[in-house]
Amino acid sequence: MKIYPFLNPLLVFVLCLSLFSCLDEDVIPDDTGEGNANCPEPGFDLTANQGFDILLSAPLKEGLTYAWEITTMGTEGDTLSVDTNSDNAFTWGPGAGTVVFCLTVKAAGCEEGTTLCKTFVATEAQFEAGNQSNALIEVIETGDNTYTYKITDGGSNASCPGLNFAIKSLEGFDILLDAPLKEGFVYDWTITTTGVDGETRVDSQSDNVFSWGPGAGTVEFCLNVMTSDCEESETFCKKFVATEAQFEEGNQSNKSIEVIKTDDGVYTYKITDKDSNKACPEIDFDIKSREGFDILLDAPLNVDYIYNWTITTTGAGGETSEDTQSDNIFSWGPGVGTVEFCLFASTDACKEGGPVVCKTFVATEAQFEEGNQSDKVIEVIETEENVFTYKITDAN
């Protein structure tokens, strides 16, 4: 009996949600429908790994955070699990049924993030065919952002792997060549560089993944994979073209450099204007109640951020002291008087840091006298914008 997962009502509902919630890679709308320059364009590859495992891979870029939601449904459309991941790349072993991979990418100035979803469908028949010793398992795209396995009979050449690879952006003009890592494979890269003057150089590489710094001209990357049973597999080749004008423009401090695939299948750089504030994080924090009179300062955690707190305390007598903190979250025990908490975040790409946010906490002697009674509850409230104090109420 053939199973048609797309006809299941629950699956149709999930895919319809995906169409509305997932964004096109070329145009990222904000709440007004206009493009938001601070929001990164979400994108990830879904490629074959070893056996039935697949590789989910998004470009690793400084200042971005990755939030994956993986919804697995059985062949009857029932939801089996919802998992999460925060890496830019990871492997996954689907079972028979449907898996919807949704990636939300966040950056400074775009805390809500932008989302892209892709669907992978597998059948029991594919697993039965793919588990035969001479079977070749590939991942193919069957429609817009929908993928499945392609199982073919390898015959006498089943031991000869044909392995594709990706070309991705790295820092600056460097690019990343990335082929899936598989046990027992020997990677044989041939890299042919032809400069703008017509001179040619040939290099080699034996790692599955490596970085490369092209110059002006053309680079052809060809990959052949060998195993103990196959001395020469199908060779995959891809071209990368760069011009002197791209290097001149991309070396300007206000430019952003990406790697794109053109319509004719050739890779090149895309140079765009960089939002001057995009690399500098905008951050906020909360002031919350803790135990007793202690309060909690809580800013969102981003592993790429350096947190710079300045805490200025002014006592009831007018005396002033200043402290610092470098954690995203910490507790504080105010006394009578006023405390001003100021925070800005910096990154490697924005040493001077983003805008400073300050909030004030005010406490009185009367609040401490009343709050120290055993039948009282102590809360933190905001009395006006960015000004906080205690609220003392009866426990009953």
Protein backbone atom coordinates (compact mmCIF):
# COMPACT_ATOMS: atom_id res chain seq x y z
CA MET A 1 0.00 0.00 0.00
CA LYS A 2 1.37 3.41 -0.91
CA ILE A 3 1.38 6.10 1.73
CA TYR A 4 0.82 9.72 0.72
CA PRO A 5 1.87 11.85 3.69
CA PHE A 6 0.84 15.10 2.05
CA LEU A 7 -2.80 14.06 2.03
CA ASN A 8 -3.01 13.85 5.80
CA PRO A 9 -5.06 16.80 7.16
CA LEU A 10 -2.72 17.45 10.08
CA LEU A 11 0.29 17.54 7.78
CA VAL A 12 -1.49 19.89 5.38
CA PHE A 13 -2.21 22.18 8.35
CA VAL A 14 1.44 22.16 9.45
CA LEU A 15 2.69 22.84 5.93
CA CYS A 16 0.19 25.68 5.52
CA LEU A 17 1.50 27.20 8.74
CA SER A 18 5.00 26.85 7.33
CA LEU A 19 4.05 28.81 4.23
CA PHE A 20 2.86 31.72 6.32
CA SER A 21 5.48 31.62 9.06
CA CYS A 22 8.56 30.78 7.01
CA LEU A 23 10.13 33.58 5.06
CA ASP A 24 11.63 33.66 1.60
CA GLU A 25 15.42 33.88 1.63
CA ASP A 26 15.49 36.89 -0.66
CA VAL A 27 12.96 39.20 1.02
CA ILE A 28 12.56 39.31 4.79
CA PRO A 29 9.51 41.38 5.74
CA ASP A 30 9.19 43.13 9.09
CA ASP A 31 5.92 43.95 10.83
CA THR A 32 5.11 46.57 8.20
CA GLY A 33 5.88 44.30 5.26
CA GLU A 34 9.04 46.25 4.43
CA GLY A 35 12.47 44.63 4.46
CA ASN A 36 14.19 44.89 7.85
CA ALA A 37 17.89 45.63 7.30
CA ASN A 38 18.78 44.40 10.78
CA CYS A 39 17.22 40.96 10.25
CA PRO A 40 19.48 38.24 8.81
CA GLU A 41 18.32 36.19 5.85
CA PRO A 42 17.66 32.66 7.12
CA GLY A 43 18.98 29.85 4.99
CA PHE A 44 20.20 26.30 5.47
CA ASP A 45 21.16 23.28 3.40
CA LEU A 46 19.65 19.82 3.79
CA THR A 47 22.08 17.25 2.39
CA ALA A 48 22.88 13.55 2.61
CA ASN A 49 25.25 12.36 5.33
CA GLN A 50 26.13 8.75 6.13
CA GLY A 51 23.43 6.16 5.45
CA PHE A 52 19.98 7.61 6.12
CA ASP A 53 21.38 10.46 8.24
CA ILE A 54 20.95 13.95 6.85
CA LEU A 55 22.96 17.10 7.54
CA LEU A 56 21.28 20.40 8.44
CA SER A 57 23.75 23.22 7.87
CA ALA A 58 23.29 27.00 8.15
CA PRO A 59 26.19 29.40 7.46
CA LEU A 60 28.04 30.24 10.68
CA LYS A 61 28.14 34.03 11.05
CA GLU A 62 29.36 36.17 13.93
CA GLY A 63 26.66 37.79 16.01
CA LEU A 64 23.86 35.42 14.98
CA THR A 65 22.00 32.99 17.23
CA TYR A 66 20.34 29.85 15.85
CA ALA A 67 17.11 28.33 17.17
CA TRP A 68 15.87 25.15 15.48
CA GLU A 69 12.48 23.51 16.04
CA ILE A 70 12.21 19.98 14.66
CA THR A 71 8.68 18.54 14.46
CA THR A 72 8.52 14.81 13.74
CA MET A 73 5.28 13.20 12.54
CA GLY A 74 4.55 9.54 11.89
CA THR A 75 3.14 8.06 8.72
CA GLU A 76 -0.39 8.66 10.04
CA GLY A 77 0.31 12.36 10.60
CA ASP A 78 0.45 12.12 14.39
CA THR A 79 3.08 14.32 16.06
CA LEU A 80 5.69 12.08 17.66
CA SER A 81 8.09 14.69 19.05
CA VAL A 82 9.15 18.33 18.96
CA ASP A 83 12.90 18.83 19.44
CA THR A 84 15.19 21.86 19.51
CA ASN A 85 18.79 22.64 18.64
CA SER A 86 20.95 25.77 18.88
CA ASP A 87 23.89 24.82 16.63
CA ASN A 88 24.32 26.17 13.13
CA ALA A 89 24.86 22.60 11.86
CA PHE A 90 23.87 19.13 13.09
CA THR A 91 22.92 15.68 11.79
CA TRP A 92 19.50 14.05 12.02
CA GLY A 93 18.22 10.53 11.44
CA PRO A 94 14.63 10.69 10.15
CA GLY A 95 12.27 7.74 10.38
CA ALA A 96 9.30 6.91 8.19
CA GLY A 97 7.01 9.92 8.19
CA THR A 98 7.56 13.67 7.97
CA VAL A 99 9.99 16.01 9.71
CA VAL A 100 9.58 19.80 9.53
CA PHE A 101 12.82 21.68 10.24
CA CYS A 102 12.29 25.34 11.15
CA LEU A 103 15.28 27.63 11.76
CA THR A 104 14.95 31.04 13.41
CA VAL A 105 18.00 33.30 13.13
CA LYS A 106 18.33 36.30 15.45
CA ALA A 107 20.74 39.23 15.49
CA ALA A 108 21.22 42.55 17.24
CA GLY A 109 18.37 44.83 16.22
CA CYS A 110 16.23 41.84 15.21
CA GLU A 111 15.44 40.09 18.49
CA GLU A 112 12.27 38.52 17.03
CA GLY A 113 14.37 36.81 14.38
CA THR A 114 13.44 35.49 10.95
CA THR A 115 12.37 31.93 10.21
CA LEU A 116 12.73 29.44 7.36
CA CYS A 117 11.17 25.96 7.30
CA LYS A 118 11.95 22.90 5.18
CA THR A 119 10.15 19.55 5.13
CA PHE A 120 11.64 16.07 4.81
CA VAL A 121 9.40 13.10 3.91
CA ALA A 122 10.45 9.43 4.12
CA THR A 123 8.51 6.22 3.54
CA GLU A 124 8.89 2.70 4.91
CA ALA A 125 9.50 1.51 1.36
CA GLN A 126 12.53 3.81 1.08
CA PHE A 127 14.05 2.36 4.24
CA GLU A 128 13.50 -1.18 2.99
CA ALA A 129 15.13 -0.39 -0.37
CA GLY A 130 17.94 1.66 1.16
CA ASN A 131 18.94 -1.08 3.60
CA GLN A 132 19.98 -3.38 0.76
CA SER A 133 23.75 -3.75 0.45
CA ASN A 134 23.97 -2.37 -3.09
CA ALA A 135 21.71 0.64 -2.54
CA LEU A 136 22.83 4.25 -2.94
CA ILE A 137 21.04 6.78 -0.74
CA GLU A 138 20.79 10.42 -1.78
CA VAL A 139 18.77 13.42 -0.61
CA ILE A 140 16.85 15.29 -3.30
CA GLU A 141 14.50 18.28 -3.38
CA THR A 142 11.09 17.29 -4.75
CA GLY A 143 9.48 20.72 -4.54
CA ASP A 144 9.86 24.10 -2.95
CA ASN A 145 11.66 23.39 0.36
CA THR A 146 10.46 19.76 0.38
CA TYR A 147 12.99 16.90 0.41
CA THR A 148 13.10 13.09 0.41
CA TYR A 149 15.45 10.16 -0.20
CA LYS A 150 16.38 8.93 -3.65
CA ILE A 151 17.26 5.23 -3.53
CA THR A 152 19.06 3.79 -6.55
CA ASP A 153 20.67 0.46 -7.38
CA GLY A 154 24.44 0.91 -7.26
CA GLY A 155 25.06 -2.42 -9.01
CA SER A 156 28.76 -3.27 -9.32
CA ASN A 157 29.67 0.37 -8.60
CA ALA A 158 27.77 0.56 -5.33
CA SER A 159 31.04 0.86 -3.42
CA CYS A 160 32.01 3.97 -5.43
CA PRO A 161 30.60 7.01 -3.64
CA GLY A 162 29.56 10.16 -5.43
CA LEU A 163 29.80 12.97 -2.92
CA ASN A 164 28.67 16.53 -3.47
CA PHE A 165 29.91 19.54 -1.50
CA ALA A 166 28.84 23.05 -0.53
CA ILE A 167 30.56 26.43 -0.94
CA LYS A 168 29.74 28.80 1.92
CA SER A 169 30.66 32.23 3.24
CA LEU A 170 33.31 32.60 5.92
CA GLU A 171 34.86 35.75 7.39
CA GLY A 172 35.83 38.43 4.91
CA PHE A 173 36.66 37.04 1.46
CA ASP A 174 37.43 33.54 2.77
CA ILE A 175 35.10 30.74 1.67
CA LEU A 176 34.37 27.30 3.13
CA LEU A 177 34.40 24.07 1.10
CA ASP A 178 32.29 21.53 2.96
CA ALA A 179 31.70 17.87 2.06
CA PRO A 180 29.93 15.46 4.45
CA LEU A 181 32.34 13.52 6.68
CA LYS A 182 31.95 9.76 6.19
CA GLU A 183 33.91 6.93 7.77
CA GLY A 184 36.27 5.14 5.39
CA PHE A 185 36.23 7.89 2.76
CA VAL A 186 39.40 9.45 1.35
CA TYR A 187 38.89 12.96 0.01
CA ASP A 188 40.86 14.04 -3.06
CA TRP A 189 40.37 17.69 -3.99
CA THR A 190 41.86 19.33 -7.07
CA ILE A 191 41.81 23.14 -6.94
CA THR A 192 42.64 24.88 -10.24
CA THR A 193 43.15 28.64 -10.00
CA THR A 194 43.25 30.81 -13.10
CA GLY A 195 44.21 34.43 -12.42
CA VAL A 196 43.04 37.46 -14.38
CA ASP A 197 46.37 37.35 -16.24
CA GLY A 198 45.62 33.78 -17.42
CA GLU A 199 48.21 32.08 -15.21
CA THR A 200 47.12 28.72 -13.79
CA ARG A 201 48.01 27.00 -10.51
CA VAL A 202 46.85 23.59 -9.30
CA ASP A 203 46.56 22.72 -5.57
CA SER A 204 45.24 19.74 -3.68
CA GLN A 205 43.46 19.05 -0.38
CA SER A 206 42.60 15.88 1.53
CA ASP A 207 40.20 17.13 4.23
CA ASN A 208 36.43 16.92 3.91
CA VAL A 209 36.15 20.58 4.91
CA PHE A 210 38.61 23.45 4.53
CA SER A 211 38.76 27.20 3.94
CA TRP A 212 40.09 28.98 0.88
CA GLY A 213 40.93 32.57 0.02
CA PRO A 214 40.28 33.14 -3.68
CA GLY A 215 41.89 36.02 -5.55
CA ALA A 216 40.66 37.84 -8.62
CA GLY A 217 40.04 35.24 -11.33
CA THR A 218 38.44 31.78 -11.45
CA VAL A 219 38.86 28.82 -9.11
CA GLU A 220 37.52 25.37 -10.02
CA PHE A 221 37.07 23.02 -7.06
CA CYS A 222 36.78 19.32 -7.99
CA LEU A 223 36.18 16.55 -5.45
CA ASN A 224 36.77 12.83 -5.95
CA VAL A 225 36.10 10.44 -3.08
CA MET A 226 37.78 7.05 -2.73
CA THR A 227 37.20 4.02 -0.51
CA SER A 228 38.99 0.69 -0.04
CA ASP A 229 36.65 -0.79 -2.68
CA CYS A 230 36.69 2.11 -5.13
CA GLU A 231 39.77 3.98 -6.32
CA GLU A 232 37.85 6.58 -8.32
CA SER A 233 34.30 7.80 -7.81
CA GLU A 234 32.18 10.31 -9.67
CA THR A 235 33.86 13.73 -9.56
CA PHE A 236 31.94 16.86 -8.62
CA CYS A 237 33.25 20.27 -9.76
CA LYS A 238 32.14 23.81 -8.95
CA LYS A 239 33.48 27.17 -10.09
CA PHE A 240 34.07 30.33 -8.09
CA VAL A 241 34.64 33.64 -9.91
CA ALA A 242 35.87 36.87 -8.31
CA THR A 243 36.73 40.24 -9.85
CA GLU A 244 39.15 42.99 -8.82
CA ALA A 245 36.18 45.36 -8.53
CA GLN A 246 34.61 43.05 -5.90
CA PHE A 247 37.78 43.12 -3.79
CA GLU A 248 38.04 46.91 -4.04
CA GLU A 249 34.41 47.37 -3.01
CA GLY A 250 34.41 44.63 -0.34
CA ASN A 251 37.47 46.07 1.41
CA GLN A 252 35.51 49.17 2.39
CA SER A 253 34.59 49.17 6.08
CA ASN A 254 30.86 49.66 5.43
CA LYS A 255 30.50 46.65 3.13
CA SER A 256 29.22 43.14 3.80
CA ILE A 257 30.55 40.13 1.84
CA GLU A 258 28.49 37.04 1.06
CA VAL A 259 28.86 34.02 -1.22
CA ILE A 260 26.04 33.43 -3.70
CA LYS A 261 25.27 30.98 -6.47
CA THR A 262 24.39 32.67 -9.76
CA ASP A 263 21.70 31.47 -12.16
CA ASP A 264 24.29 29.65 -14.30
CA GLY A 265 25.53 27.65 -11.29
CA VAL A 266 28.75 29.63 -10.76
CA TYR A 267 29.59 30.97 -7.30
CA THR A 268 30.78 34.52 -6.62
CA TYR A 269 30.76 37.28 -4.02
CA LYS A 270 27.81 39.54 -3.31
CA ILE A 271 28.91 42.92 -1.90
CA THR A 272 26.23 44.94 -0.11
CA ASP A 273 26.09 47.98 2.14
CA LYS A 274 26.38 47.13 5.80
CA ASP A 275 23.99 48.81 8.21
CA SER A 276 26.32 50.91 10.36
CA ASN A 277 24.45 49.83 13.50
CA LYS A 278 23.93 46.19 12.50
CA ALA A 279 27.11 44.90 14.13
CA CYS A 280 26.48 46.86 17.34
CA PRO A 281 24.01 45.05 19.59
CA GLU A 282 20.96 46.76 21.04
CA ILE A 283 20.12 45.21 24.38
CA ASP A 284 17.61 45.63 27.20
CA PHE A 285 17.29 44.12 30.66
CA ASP A 286 14.66 43.41 33.30
CA ILE A 287 14.64 44.23 37.02
CA LYS A 288 12.80 41.50 38.92
CA SER A 289 11.96 40.48 42.48
CA ARG A 290 14.15 37.94 44.20
CA GLU A 291 14.22 36.69 47.80
CA GLY A 292 13.66 39.37 50.41
CA PHE A 293 14.97 42.76 49.32
CA ASP A 294 17.35 41.29 46.72
CA ILE A 295 16.62 42.10 43.10
CA LEU A 296 17.59 40.34 39.86
CA LEU A 297 19.13 42.12 36.86
CA ASP A 298 18.47 39.99 33.79
CA ALA A 299 19.64 40.65 30.22
CA PRO A 300 19.17 38.10 27.38
CA LEU A 301 22.14 35.73 27.02
CA ASN A 302 24.07 35.91 23.74
CA VAL A 303 27.40 34.05 23.65
CA ASP A 304 28.89 36.66 21.30
CA TYR A 305 28.10 39.61 23.58
CA ILE A 306 30.36 41.22 26.17
CA TYR A 307 28.18 42.72 28.92
CA ASN A 308 29.26 46.06 30.38
CA TRP A 309 27.33 47.09 33.50
CA THR A 310 27.90 50.27 35.51
CA ILE A 311 26.09 50.41 38.86
CA THR A 312 26.01 53.83 40.53
CA THR A 313 24.67 53.88 44.11
CA THR A 314 23.67 57.13 45.82
CA GLY A 315 22.90 56.70 49.53
CA ALA A 316 20.33 58.60 51.58
CA GLY A 317 23.12 60.98 52.69
CA GLY A 318 24.21 61.72 49.11
CA GLU A 319 27.36 59.56 49.19
CA THR A 320 28.12 57.83 45.87
CA SER A 321 29.82 54.55 44.90
CA GLU A 322 30.31 52.87 41.55
CA ASP A 323 30.52 49.14 40.72
CA THR A 324 30.77 47.07 37.54
CA GLN A 325 29.51 43.70 36.35
CA SER A 326 30.19 41.55 33.27
CA ASP A 327 27.52 38.82 33.56
CA ASN A 328 24.26 38.92 31.68
CA ILE A 329 22.38 38.15 34.89
CA PHE A 330 23.19 38.85 38.56
CA SER A 331 21.49 39.72 41.85
CA TRP A 332 21.83 42.94 43.82
CA GLY A 333 20.88 44.07 47.31
CA PRO A 334 20.00 47.77 47.24
CA GLY A 335 20.05 49.88 50.39
CA VAL A 336 18.21 53.06 51.20
CA GLY A 337 18.75 55.52 48.37
CA THR A 338 18.99 55.27 44.59
CA VAL A 339 20.80 52.81 42.33
CA GLU A 340 21.25 53.46 38.61
CA PHE A 341 21.95 50.35 36.51
CA CYS A 342 23.41 51.07 33.06
CA LEU A 343 24.20 48.38 30.46
CA PHE A 344 25.63 48.23 26.97
CA ALA A 345 26.86 45.20 25.02
CA SER A 346 29.88 45.01 22.72
CA THR A 347 31.10 42.36 20.27
CA ASP A 348 34.29 41.61 18.37
CA ALA A 349 32.79 43.49 15.42
CA CYS A 350 31.67 46.44 17.57
CA LYS A 351 34.32 47.15 20.19
CA GLU A 352 32.74 50.47 21.20
CA GLY A 353 29.45 48.76 21.96
CA GLY A 354 25.83 49.47 21.21
CA PRO A 355 23.52 52.02 22.84
CA VAL A 356 23.48 52.31 26.63
CA VAL A 357 20.27 51.46 28.53
CA CYS A 358 19.86 52.79 32.09
CA LYS A 359 17.23 52.01 34.73
CA THR A 360 16.86 53.41 38.24
CA PHE A 361 15.88 51.67 41.49
CA VAL A 362 14.72 53.75 44.48
CA ALA A 363 14.27 52.43 48.04
CA THR A 364 13.26 54.23 51.28
CA GLU A 365 13.84 53.53 54.98
CA ALA A 366 10.08 53.14 55.43
CA GLN A 367 10.01 50.31 52.87
CA PHE A 368 12.77 48.41 54.70
CA GLU A 369 11.06 48.88 58.09
CA GLU A 370 7.72 47.67 56.73
CA GLY A 371 9.17 44.86 54.58
CA ASN A 372 11.11 43.37 57.52
CA GLN A 373 7.87 42.46 59.25
CA SER A 374 7.12 38.72 59.08
CA ASP A 375 3.66 39.10 57.52
CA LYS A 376 4.78 41.20 54.55
CA VAL A 377 5.42 40.37 50.89
CA ILE A 378 8.07 42.28 48.96
CA GLU A 379 7.72 42.83 45.21
CA VAL A 380 9.51 44.94 42.61
CA ILE A 381 7.35 47.27 40.53
CA GLU A 382 7.92 49.87 37.82
CA THR A 383 6.48 53.22 38.94
CA GLU A 384 7.27 55.04 35.71
CA GLU A 385 9.31 54.27 32.62
CA ASN A 386 12.65 52.70 33.70
CA VAL A 387 12.12 53.64 37.39
CA PHE A 388 11.57 50.81 39.88
CA THR A 389 10.93 50.42 43.61
CA TYR A 390 9.60 47.99 46.21
CA LYS A 391 5.91 47.29 46.78
CA ILE A 392 5.19 46.04 50.30
CA THR A 393 1.88 44.22 50.86
CA ASP A 394 0.29 42.00 53.48
CA ALA A 395 1.02 38.29 53.06
CA ASN A 396 -2.65 37.52 53.52
